[in-house]
């Protein structure tokens, strides 16, 4: 099984590209949510970052919230597992088909 992680690279153009690595569908597992919150916090603290782009690895953007997270929130009532991060400007780079509800 591949290591679940979130990576960030900041280019010379002051754009941070944040990439989700959670094959095969880049679902939002607890570790991904924590990694995203960490990266968004870093983006908001850095003066050299003017925008952030969120994307997924392997030609997949994001398969949504991991069902294990939904189940854990349902069982415990701990909604802190659901991401609540904000940045001044965030864009997404979506490759291929996308569906949202």
PDB file of N, CA and C in Angstrom:
ATOM      1  N   UNK A   1       0.839  -1.184   0.000  1.00  0.00           N
ATOM      2  CA  UNK A   1       0.000   0.000   0.000  1.00  0.00           C
ATOM      3  C   UNK A   1       0.880   1.242   0.000  1.00  0.00           C
ATOM      4  N   UNK A   2       0.541   2.210  -0.815  1.00  0.00           N
ATOM      5  CA  UNK A   2       1.314   3.443  -0.906  1.00  0.00           C
ATOM      6  C   UNK A   2       1.120   4.292   0.340  1.00  0.00           C
ATOM      7  N   UNK A   3       2.134   5.081   0.621  1.00  0.00           N
ATOM      8  CA  UNK A   3       2.038   5.992   1.754  1.00  0.00           C
ATOM      9  C   UNK A   3       1.073   7.126   1.411  1.00  0.00           C
ATOM     10  N   UNK A   4       0.149   7.406   2.326  1.00  0.00           N
ATOM     11  CA  UNK A   4      -0.803   8.498   2.150  1.00  0.00           C
ATOM     12  C   UNK A   4      -0.121   9.778   2.591  1.00  0.00           C
ATOM     13  N   UNK A   5      -0.149  10.796   1.699  1.00  0.00           N
ATOM     14  CA  UNK A   5       0.522  12.033   2.065  1.00  0.00           C
ATOM     15  C   UNK A   5      -0.003  13.204   1.246  1.00  0.00           C
ATOM     16  N   UNK A   6       0.355  14.384   1.702  1.00  0.00           N
ATOM     17  CA  UNK A   6       0.042  15.632   1.009  1.00  0.00           C
ATOM     18  C   UNK A   6       1.359  16.370   0.819  1.00  0.00           C
ATOM     19  N   UNK A   7       1.634  16.772  -0.402  1.00  0.00           N
ATOM     20  CA  UNK A   7       2.884  17.458  -0.718  1.00  0.00           C
ATOM     21  C   UNK A   7       2.579  18.878  -1.186  1.00  0.00           C
ATOM     22  N   UNK A   8       3.548  19.770  -0.980  1.00  0.00           N
ATOM     23  CA  UNK A   8       3.393  21.138  -1.452  1.00  0.00           C
ATOM     24  C   UNK A   8       4.694  21.623  -2.066  1.00  0.00           C
ATOM     25  N   UNK A   9       4.568  22.258  -3.229  1.00  0.00           N
ATOM     26  CA  UNK A   9       5.702  22.900  -3.893  1.00  0.00           C
ATOM     27  C   UNK A   9       5.297  24.332  -4.203  1.00  0.00           C
ATOM     28  N   UNK A  10       6.210  25.262  -3.936  1.00  0.00           N
ATOM     29  CA  UNK A  10       5.962  26.671  -4.246  1.00  0.00           C
ATOM     30  C   UNK A  10       6.891  27.069  -5.379  1.00  0.00           C
ATOM     31  N   UNK A  11       6.305  27.536  -6.473  1.00  0.00           N
ATOM     32  CA  UNK A  11       7.084  27.931  -7.637  1.00  0.00           C
ATOM     33  C   UNK A  11       7.555  29.370  -7.555  1.00  0.00           C
ATOM     34  N   UNK A  12       8.386  29.755  -8.510  1.00  0.00           N
ATOM     35  CA  UNK A  12       8.880  31.130  -8.592  1.00  0.00           C
ATOM     36  C   UNK A  12       7.755  32.132  -8.820  1.00  0.00           C
ATOM     37  N   UNK A  13       6.594  31.641  -9.257  1.00  0.00           N
ATOM     38  CA  UNK A  13       5.438  32.505  -9.518  1.00  0.00           C
ATOM     39  C   UNK A  13       4.592  32.750  -8.266  1.00  0.00           C
ATOM     40  N   UNK A  14       5.071  32.308  -7.099  1.00  0.00           N
ATOM     41  CA  UNK A  14       4.385  32.470  -5.811  1.00  0.00           C
ATOM     42  C   UNK A  14       3.104  31.653  -5.704  1.00  0.00           C
ATOM     43  N   UNK A  15       2.979  30.614  -6.519  1.00  0.00           N
ATOM     44  CA  UNK A  15       1.819  29.732  -6.467  1.00  0.00           C
ATOM     45  C   UNK A  15       2.225  28.421  -5.797  1.00  0.00           C
ATOM     46  N   UNK A  16       1.505  28.063  -4.736  1.00  0.00           N
ATOM     47  CA  UNK A  16       1.727  26.792  -4.058  1.00  0.00           C
ATOM     48  C   UNK A  16       0.842  25.741  -4.709  1.00  0.00           C
ATOM     49  N   UNK A  17       1.441  24.635  -5.125  1.00  0.00           N
ATOM     50  CA  UNK A  17       0.682  23.510  -5.669  1.00  0.00           C
ATOM     51  C   UNK A  17       0.663  22.432  -4.592  1.00  0.00           C
ATOM     52  N   UNK A  18      -0.526  22.164  -4.075  1.00  0.00           N
ATOM     53  CA  UNK A  18      -0.717  21.167  -3.025  1.00  0.00           C
ATOM     54  C   UNK A  18      -1.321  19.932  -3.684  1.00  0.00           C
ATOM     55  N   UNK A  19      -0.640  18.785  -3.530  1.00  0.00           N
ATOM     56  CA  UNK A  19      -1.052  17.562  -4.216  1.00  0.00           C
ATOM     57  C   UNK A  19      -1.398  16.477  -3.206  1.00  0.00           C
ATOM     58  N   UNK A  20      -2.561  15.857  -3.407  1.00  0.00           N
ATOM     59  CA  UNK A  20      -3.008  14.737  -2.584  1.00  0.00           C
ATOM     60  C   UNK A  20      -2.464  13.445  -3.201  1.00  0.00           C
ATOM     61  N   UNK A  21      -1.791  12.632  -2.376  1.00  0.00           N
ATOM     62  CA  UNK A  21      -1.302  11.310  -2.790  1.00  0.00           C
ATOM     63  C   UNK A  21      -1.981  10.264  -1.910  1.00  0.00           C
ATOM     64  N   UNK A  22      -3.094   9.729  -2.374  1.00  0.00           N
ATOM     65  CA  UNK A  22      -3.791   8.657  -1.668  1.00  0.00           C
ATOM     66  C   UNK A  22      -4.451   7.743  -2.703  1.00  0.00           C
ATOM     67  N   UNK A  23      -3.621   6.941  -3.406  1.00  0.00           N
ATOM     68  CA  UNK A  23      -4.153   6.079  -4.460  1.00  0.00           C
ATOM     69  C   UNK A  23      -5.196   5.100  -3.912  1.00  0.00           C
ATOM     70  N   UNK A  24      -6.136   4.666  -4.730  1.00  0.00           N
ATOM     71  CA  UNK A  24      -6.214   4.990  -6.152  1.00  0.00           C
ATOM     72  C   UNK A  24      -7.043   6.237  -6.465  1.00  0.00           C
ATOM     73  N   UNK A  25      -7.873   6.715  -5.532  1.00  0.00           N
ATOM     74  CA  UNK A  25      -8.802   7.804  -5.846  1.00  0.00           C
ATOM     75  C   UNK A  25      -8.553   9.094  -5.075  1.00  0.00           C
ATOM     76  N   UNK A  26      -7.483   9.142  -4.289  1.00  0.00           N
ATOM     77  CA  UNK A  26      -7.160  10.344  -3.510  1.00  0.00           C
ATOM     78  C   UNK A  26      -8.306  10.760  -2.596  1.00  0.00           C
ATOM     79  N   UNK A  27      -8.885   9.776  -1.891  1.00  0.00           N
ATOM     80  CA  UNK A  27      -9.961  10.097  -0.959  1.00  0.00           C
ATOM     81  C   UNK A  27      -9.413  10.843   0.251  1.00  0.00           C
ATOM     82  N   UNK A  28     -10.301  11.563   0.920  1.00  0.00           N
ATOM     83  CA  UNK A  28      -9.926  12.396   2.059  1.00  0.00           C
ATOM     84  C   UNK A  28      -9.943  11.564   3.342  1.00  0.00           C
ATOM     85  N   UNK A  29      -8.870  10.808   3.561  1.00  0.00           N
ATOM     86  CA  UNK A  29      -8.689  10.060   4.799  1.00  0.00           C
ATOM     87  C   UNK A  29      -8.284  11.040   5.901  1.00  0.00           C
ATOM     88  N   UNK A  30      -8.308  10.588   7.148  1.00  0.00           N
ATOM     89  CA  UNK A  30      -7.947  11.455   8.272  1.00  0.00           C
ATOM     90  C   UNK A  30      -6.555  12.042   8.078  1.00  0.00           C
ATOM     91  N   UNK A  31      -5.605  11.222   7.622  1.00  0.00           N
ATOM     92  CA  UNK A  31      -4.238  11.724   7.437  1.00  0.00           C
ATOM     93  C   UNK A  31      -4.167  12.752   6.308  1.00  0.00           C
ATOM     94  N   UNK A  32      -4.993  12.594   5.281  1.00  0.00           N
ATOM     95  CA  UNK A  32      -5.031  13.574   4.190  1.00  0.00           C
ATOM     96  C   UNK A  32      -5.616  14.884   4.697  1.00  0.00           C
ATOM     97  N   UNK A  33      -6.696  14.809   5.460  1.00  0.00           N
ATOM     98  CA  UNK A  33      -7.309  16.018   6.021  1.00  0.00           C
ATOM     99  C   UNK A  33      -6.308  16.759   6.890  1.00  0.00           C
ATOM    100  N   UNK A  34      -5.607  16.025   7.751  1.00  0.00           N
ATOM    101  CA  UNK A  34      -4.593  16.653   8.611  1.00  0.00           C
ATOM    102  C   UNK A  34      -3.493  17.282   7.770  1.00  0.00           C
ATOM    103  N   UNK A  35      -3.050  16.578   6.726  1.00  0.00           N
ATOM    104  CA  UNK A  35      -2.013  17.112   5.846  1.00  0.00           C
ATOM    105  C   UNK A  35      -2.469  18.353   5.107  1.00  0.00           C
ATOM    106  N   UNK A  36      -3.712  18.355   4.631  1.00  0.00           N
ATOM    107  CA  UNK A  36      -4.244  19.536   3.943  1.00  0.00           C
ATOM    108  C   UNK A  36      -4.338  20.728   4.886  1.00  0.00           C
ATOM    109  N   UNK A  37      -4.826  20.492   6.099  1.00  0.00           N
ATOM    110  CA  UNK A  37      -4.928  21.588   7.067  1.00  0.00           C
ATOM    111  C   UNK A  37      -3.549  22.160   7.377  1.00  0.00           C
ATOM    112  N   UNK A  38      -2.559  21.276   7.511  1.00  0.00           N
ATOM    113  CA  UNK A  38      -1.181  21.710   7.756  1.00  0.00           C
ATOM    114  C   UNK A  38      -0.665  22.563   6.596  1.00  0.00           C
ATOM    115  N   UNK A  39      -0.895  22.101   5.373  1.00  0.00           N
ATOM    116  CA  UNK A  39      -0.417  22.849   4.198  1.00  0.00           C
ATOM    117  C   UNK A  39      -1.162  24.169   4.035  1.00  0.00           C
ATOM    118  N   UNK A  40      -2.483  24.187   4.244  1.00  0.00           N
ATOM    119  CA  UNK A  40      -3.229  25.442   4.149  1.00  0.00           C
ATOM    120  C   UNK A  40      -2.790  26.426   5.231  1.00  0.00           C
ATOM    121  N   UNK A  41      -2.505  25.928   6.438  1.00  0.00           N
ATOM    122  CA  UNK A  41      -1.968  26.798   7.495  1.00  0.00           C
ATOM    123  C   UNK A  41      -0.625  27.380   7.075  1.00  0.00           C
ATOM    124  N   UNK A  42       0.229  26.530   6.490  1.00  0.00           N
ATOM    125  CA  UNK A  42       1.533  27.001   6.019  1.00  0.00           C
ATOM    126  C   UNK A  42       1.371  28.069   4.941  1.00  0.00           C
ATOM    127  N   UNK A  43       0.449  27.840   3.996  1.00  0.00           N
ATOM    128  CA  UNK A  43       0.190  28.824   2.936  1.00  0.00           C
ATOM    129  C   UNK A  43      -0.225  30.158   3.538  1.00  0.00           C
ATOM    130  N   UNK A  44      -1.103  30.133   4.532  1.00  0.00           N
ATOM    131  CA  UNK A  44      -1.590  31.385   5.118  1.00  0.00           C
ATOM    132  C   UNK A  44      -0.511  32.123   5.906  1.00  0.00           C
ATOM    133  N   UNK A  45       0.511  31.410   6.387  1.00  0.00           N
ATOM    134  CA  UNK A  45       1.603  32.043   7.140  1.00  0.00           C
ATOM    135  C   UNK A  45       2.710  32.590   6.243  1.00  0.00           C
ATOM    136  N   UNK A  46       2.831  32.049   5.055  1.00  0.00           N
ATOM    137  CA  UNK A  46       3.951  32.415   4.180  1.00  0.00           C
ATOM    138  C   UNK A  46       3.640  33.668   3.375  1.00  0.00           C
ATOM    139  N   UNK A  47       4.560  34.622   3.412  1.00  0.00           N
ATOM    140  CA  UNK A  47       4.398  35.859   2.648  1.00  0.00           C
ATOM    141  C   UNK A  47       4.710  35.678   1.168  1.00  0.00           C
ATOM    142  N   UNK A  48       5.445  34.617   0.831  1.00  0.00           N
ATOM    143  CA  UNK A  48       5.841  34.414  -0.563  1.00  0.00           C
ATOM    144  C   UNK A  48       4.800  33.649  -1.384  1.00  0.00           C
ATOM    145  N   UNK A  49       3.702  33.229  -0.770  1.00  0.00           N
ATOM    146  CA  UNK A  49       2.657  32.490  -1.481  1.00  0.00           C
ATOM    147  C   UNK A  49       1.458  33.401  -1.700  1.00  0.00           C
ATOM    148  N   UNK A  50       1.092  33.578  -2.963  1.00  0.00           N
ATOM    149  CA  UNK A  50      -0.029  34.452  -3.321  1.00  0.00           C
ATOM    150  C   UNK A  50      -1.293  33.672  -3.648  1.00  0.00           C
ATOM    151  N   UNK A  51      -1.162  32.400  -4.022  1.00  0.00           N
ATOM    152  CA  UNK A  51      -2.312  31.554  -4.348  1.00  0.00           C
ATOM    153  C   UNK A  51      -1.934  30.098  -4.128  1.00  0.00           C
ATOM    154  N   UNK A  52      -2.953  29.264  -3.939  1.00  0.00           N
ATOM    155  CA  UNK A  52      -2.735  27.829  -3.767  1.00  0.00           C
ATOM    156  C   UNK A  52      -3.607  27.073  -4.757  1.00  0.00           C
ATOM    157  N   UNK A  53      -3.028  26.044  -5.358  1.00  0.00           N
ATOM    158  CA  UNK A  53      -3.751  25.161  -6.271  1.00  0.00           C
ATOM    159  C   UNK A  53      -3.781  23.782  -5.629  1.00  0.00           C
ATOM    160  N   UNK A  54      -4.967  23.213  -5.490  1.00  0.00           N
ATOM    161  CA  UNK A  54      -5.126  21.876  -4.931  1.00  0.00           C
ATOM    162  C   UNK A  54      -5.376  20.903  -6.070  1.00  0.00           C
ATOM    163  N   UNK A  55      -4.594  19.822  -6.091  1.00  0.00           N
ATOM    164  CA  UNK A  55      -4.745  18.821  -7.148  1.00  0.00           C
ATOM    165  C   UNK A  55      -4.515  17.430  -6.565  1.00  0.00           C
ATOM    166  N   UNK A  56      -4.839  16.417  -7.347  1.00  0.00           N
ATOM    167  CA  UNK A  56      -4.633  15.040  -6.925  1.00  0.00           C
ATOM    168  C   UNK A  56      -3.629  14.348  -7.828  1.00  0.00           C
ATOM    169  N   UNK A  57      -3.016  13.299  -7.329  1.00  0.00           N
ATOM    170  CA  UNK A  57      -2.009  12.561  -8.092  1.00  0.00           C
ATOM    171  C   UNK A  57      -2.660  11.498  -8.970  1.00  0.00           C
ATOM    172  N   UNK A  58      -1.880  11.007  -9.923  1.00  0.00           N
ATOM    173  CA  UNK A  58      -2.306   9.885 -10.743  1.00  0.00           C
ATOM    174  C   UNK A  58      -3.474  10.154 -11.666  1.00  0.00           C
ATOM    175  N   UNK A  59      -3.669  11.414 -12.050  1.00  0.00           N
ATOM    176  CA  UNK A  59      -4.765  11.727 -12.956  1.00  0.00           C
ATOM    177  C   UNK A  59      -6.133  11.728 -12.309  1.00  0.00           C
ATOM    178  N   UNK A  60      -6.178  11.673 -10.988  1.00  0.00           N
ATOM    179  CA  UNK A  60      -7.442  11.699 -10.245  1.00  0.00           C
ATOM    180  C   UNK A  60      -7.396  12.895  -9.296  1.00  0.00           C
ATOM    181  N   UNK A  61      -8.483  13.669  -9.244  1.00  0.00           N
ATOM    182  CA  UNK A  61      -8.499  14.821  -8.335  1.00  0.00           C
ATOM    183  C   UNK A  61      -8.720  14.347  -6.907  1.00  0.00           C
ATOM    184  N   UNK A  62      -9.948  13.995  -6.549  1.00  0.00           N
ATOM    185  CA  UNK A  62     -10.250  13.564  -5.188  1.00  0.00           C
ATOM    186  C   UNK A  62     -11.545  12.768  -5.204  1.00  0.00           C
ATOM    187  N   UNK A  63     -11.526  11.616  -4.589  1.00  0.00           N
ATOM    188  CA  UNK A  63     -12.702  10.755  -4.525  1.00  0.00           C
ATOM    189  C   UNK A  63     -13.668  11.131  -3.426  1.00  0.00           C
ATOM    190  N   UNK A  64     -13.462  12.287  -2.798  1.00  0.00           N
ATOM    191  CA  UNK A  64     -14.361  12.726  -1.731  1.00  0.00           C
ATOM    192  C   UNK A  64     -13.902  12.248  -0.369  1.00  0.00           C
ATOM    193  N   UNK A  65     -14.747  12.454   0.603  1.00  0.00           N
ATOM    194  CA  UNK A  65     -14.432  12.090   1.977  1.00  0.00           C
ATOM    195  C   UNK A  65     -14.402  10.572   2.110  1.00  0.00           C
ATOM    196  N   UNK A  66     -13.351  10.056   2.723  1.00  0.00           N
ATOM    197  CA  UNK A  66     -13.204   8.622   2.949  1.00  0.00           C
ATOM    198  C   UNK A  66     -14.373   8.132   3.807  1.00  0.00           C
ATOM    199  N   UNK A  67     -14.971   7.018   3.427  1.00  0.00           N
ATOM    200  CA  UNK A  67     -16.120   6.496   4.170  1.00  0.00           C
ATOM    201  C   UNK A  67     -15.785   6.198   5.626  1.00  0.00           C
ATOM    202  N   UNK A  68     -14.530   5.860   5.919  1.00  0.00           N
ATOM    203  CA  UNK A  68     -14.121   5.630   7.309  1.00  0.00           C
ATOM    204  C   UNK A  68     -14.227   6.904   8.135  1.00  0.00           C
ATOM    205  N   UNK A  69     -13.948   8.054   7.523  1.00  0.00           N
ATOM    206  CA  UNK A  69     -14.073   9.336   8.222  1.00  0.00           C
ATOM    207  C   UNK A  69     -15.544   9.614   8.511  1.00  0.00           C
ATOM    208  N   UNK A  70     -16.395   9.407   7.517  1.00  0.00           N
ATOM    209  CA  UNK A  70     -17.834   9.633   7.708  1.00  0.00           C
ATOM    210  C   UNK A  70     -18.366   8.746   8.827  1.00  0.00           C
ATOM    211  N   UNK A  71     -17.958   7.481   8.830  1.00  0.00           N
ATOM    212  CA  UNK A  71     -18.406   6.558   9.867  1.00  0.00           C
ATOM    213  C   UNK A  71     -17.911   6.999  11.243  1.00  0.00           C
ATOM    214  N   UNK A  72     -16.652   7.428  11.324  1.00  0.00           N
ATOM    215  CA  UNK A  72     -16.101   7.858  12.611  1.00  0.00           C
ATOM    216  C   UNK A  72     -16.824   9.099  13.126  1.00  0.00           C
ATOM    217  N   UNK A  73     -17.122  10.050  12.242  1.00  0.00           N
ATOM    218  CA  UNK A  73     -17.872  11.245  12.647  1.00  0.00           C
ATOM    219  C   UNK A  73     -19.258  10.836  13.131  1.00  0.00           C
ATOM    220  N   UNK A  74     -19.895   9.935  12.426  1.00  0.00           N
ATOM    221  CA  UNK A  74     -21.236   9.477  12.801  1.00  0.00           C
ATOM    222  C   UNK A  74     -21.225   8.794  14.172  1.00  0.00           C
ATOM    223  N   UNK A  75     -20.240   7.936  14.411  1.00  0.00           N
ATOM    224  CA  UNK A  75     -20.181   7.187  15.666  1.00  0.00           C
ATOM    225  C   UNK A  75     -19.775   8.043  16.857  1.00  0.00           C
ATOM    226  N   UNK A  76     -18.858   8.982  16.634  1.00  0.00           N
ATOM    227  CA  UNK A  76     -18.320   9.765  17.751  1.00  0.00           C
ATOM    228  C   UNK A  76     -18.920  11.159  17.866  1.00  0.00           C
ATOM    229  N   UNK A  77     -19.493  11.660  16.779  1.00  0.00           N
ATOM    230  CA  UNK A  77     -19.985  13.041  16.785  1.00  0.00           C
ATOM    231  C   UNK A  77     -18.860  14.055  16.684  1.00  0.00           C
ATOM    232  N   UNK A  78     -17.636  13.587  16.444  1.00  0.00           N
ATOM    233  CA  UNK A  78     -16.467  14.468  16.368  1.00  0.00           C
ATOM    234  C   UNK A  78     -16.346  15.063  14.970  1.00  0.00           C
ATOM    235  N   UNK A  79     -16.962  16.224  14.778  1.00  0.00           N
ATOM    236  CA  UNK A  79     -16.932  16.871  13.464  1.00  0.00           C
ATOM    237  C   UNK A  79     -15.612  17.577  13.195  1.00  0.00           C
ATOM    238  N   UNK A  80     -14.703  17.565  14.163  1.00  0.00           N
ATOM    239  CA  UNK A  80     -13.398  18.198  13.944  1.00  0.00           C
ATOM    240  C   UNK A  80     -12.588  17.449  12.888  1.00  0.00           C
ATOM    241  N   UNK A  81     -13.008  16.233  12.534  1.00  0.00           N
ATOM    242  CA  UNK A  81     -12.323  15.471  11.489  1.00  0.00           C
ATOM    243  C   UNK A  81     -12.600  16.034  10.102  1.00  0.00           C
ATOM    244  N   UNK A  82     -13.638  16.833   9.977  1.00  0.00           N
ATOM    245  CA  UNK A  82     -14.002  17.429   8.695  1.00  0.00           C
ATOM    246  C   UNK A  82     -13.198  18.714   8.527  1.00  0.00           C
ATOM    247  N   UNK A  83     -12.532  18.880   7.391  1.00  0.00           N
ATOM    248  CA  UNK A  83     -11.641  20.033   7.223  1.00  0.00           C
ATOM    249  C   UNK A  83     -12.372  21.366   7.275  1.00  0.00           C
ATOM    250  N   UNK A  84     -11.738  22.324   7.962  1.00  0.00           N
ATOM    251  CA  UNK A  84     -12.258  23.679   8.044  1.00  0.00           C
ATOM    252  C   UNK A  84     -11.094  24.641   7.917  1.00  0.00           C
ATOM    253  N   UNK A  85     -10.466  24.633   6.777  1.00  0.00           N
ATOM    254  CA  UNK A  85      -9.323  25.514   6.528  1.00  0.00           C
ATOM    255  C   UNK A  85      -9.725  26.552   5.501  1.00  0.00           C
ATOM    256  N   UNK A  86      -9.075  27.705   5.560  1.00  0.00           N
ATOM    257  CA  UNK A  86      -9.361  28.723   4.548  1.00  0.00           C
ATOM    258  C   UNK A  86      -8.067  29.422   4.165  1.00  0.00           C
ATOM    259  N   UNK A  87      -8.012  29.828   2.936  1.00  0.00           N
ATOM    260  CA  UNK A  87      -6.908  30.628   2.424  1.00  0.00           C
ATOM    261  C   UNK A  87      -7.529  31.751   1.618  1.00  0.00           C
ATOM    262  N   UNK A  88      -6.747  32.793   1.341  1.00  0.00           N
ATOM    263  CA  UNK A  88      -7.282  33.922   0.591  1.00  0.00           C
ATOM    264  C   UNK A  88      -7.725  33.520  -0.809  1.00  0.00           C
ATOM    265  N   UNK A  89      -6.969  32.642  -1.442  1.00  0.00           N
ATOM    266  CA  UNK A  89      -7.314  32.205  -2.787  1.00  0.00           C
ATOM    267  C   UNK A  89      -6.874  30.766  -2.969  1.00  0.00           C
ATOM    268  N   UNK A  90      -7.799  29.907  -3.289  1.00  0.00           N
ATOM    269  CA  UNK A  90      -7.473  28.510  -3.572  1.00  0.00           C
ATOM    270  C   UNK A  90      -8.141  28.106  -4.871  1.00  0.00           C
ATOM    271  N   UNK A  91      -7.391  27.454  -5.721  1.00  0.00           N
ATOM    272  CA  UNK A  91      -7.891  26.956  -6.998  1.00  0.00           C
ATOM    273  C   UNK A  91      -7.738  25.451  -7.010  1.00  0.00           C
ATOM    274  N   UNK A  92      -8.525  24.769  -7.822  1.00  0.00           N
ATOM    275  CA  UNK A  92      -8.343  23.335  -7.980  1.00  0.00           C
ATOM    276  C   UNK A  92      -7.961  23.034  -9.418  1.00  0.00           C
ATOM    277  N   UNK A  93      -7.123  22.033  -9.582  1.00  0.00           N
ATOM    278  CA  UNK A  93      -6.726  21.569 -10.911  1.00  0.00           C
ATOM    279  C   UNK A  93      -7.328  20.184 -11.082  1.00  0.00           C
ATOM    280  N   UNK A  94      -8.402  20.105 -11.860  1.00  0.00           N
ATOM    281  CA  UNK A  94      -9.137  18.857 -12.024  1.00  0.00           C
ATOM    282  C   UNK A  94      -8.882  18.310 -13.417  1.00  0.00           C
ATOM    283  N   UNK A  95      -8.424  17.065 -13.462  1.00  0.00           N
ATOM    284  CA  UNK A  95      -8.162  16.399 -14.738  1.00  0.00           C
ATOM    285  C   UNK A  95      -9.226  15.332 -14.955  1.00  0.00           C
ATOM    286  N   UNK A  96      -9.886  15.360 -16.093  1.00  0.00           N
ATOM    287  CA  UNK A  96     -10.877  14.343 -16.406  1.00  0.00           C
ATOM    288  C   UNK A  96     -12.249  14.656 -15.834  1.00  0.00           C
ATOM    289  N   UNK A  97     -13.050  13.612 -15.661  1.00  0.00           N
ATOM    290  CA  UNK A  97     -14.436  13.719 -15.226  1.00  0.00           C
ATOM    291  C   UNK A  97     -14.525  14.199 -13.783  1.00  0.00           C
ATOM    292  N   UNK A  98     -15.510  15.053 -13.488  1.00  0.00           N
ATOM    293  CA  UNK A  98     -15.719  15.549 -12.130  1.00  0.00           C
ATOM    294  C   UNK A  98     -17.208  15.604 -11.852  1.00  0.00           C
ATOM    295  N   UNK A  99     -17.624  15.150 -10.685  1.00  0.00           N
ATOM    296  CA  UNK A  99     -19.015  15.179 -10.271  1.00  0.00           C
ATOM    297  C   UNK A  99     -19.067  15.636  -8.829  1.00  0.00           C
ATOM    298  N   UNK A 100     -19.961  16.541  -8.521  1.00  0.00           N
ATOM    299  CA  UNK A 100     -20.083  17.047  -7.159  1.00  0.00           C
ATOM    300  C   UNK A 100     -21.550  17.116  -6.780  1.00  0.00           C
ATOM    301  N   UNK A 101     -21.819  16.961  -5.507  1.00  0.00           N
ATOM    302  CA  UNK A 101     -23.190  17.055  -5.000  1.00  0.00           C
ATOM    303  C   UNK A 101     -23.332  18.241  -4.087  1.00  0.00           C
TER     304      UNK A 101
END
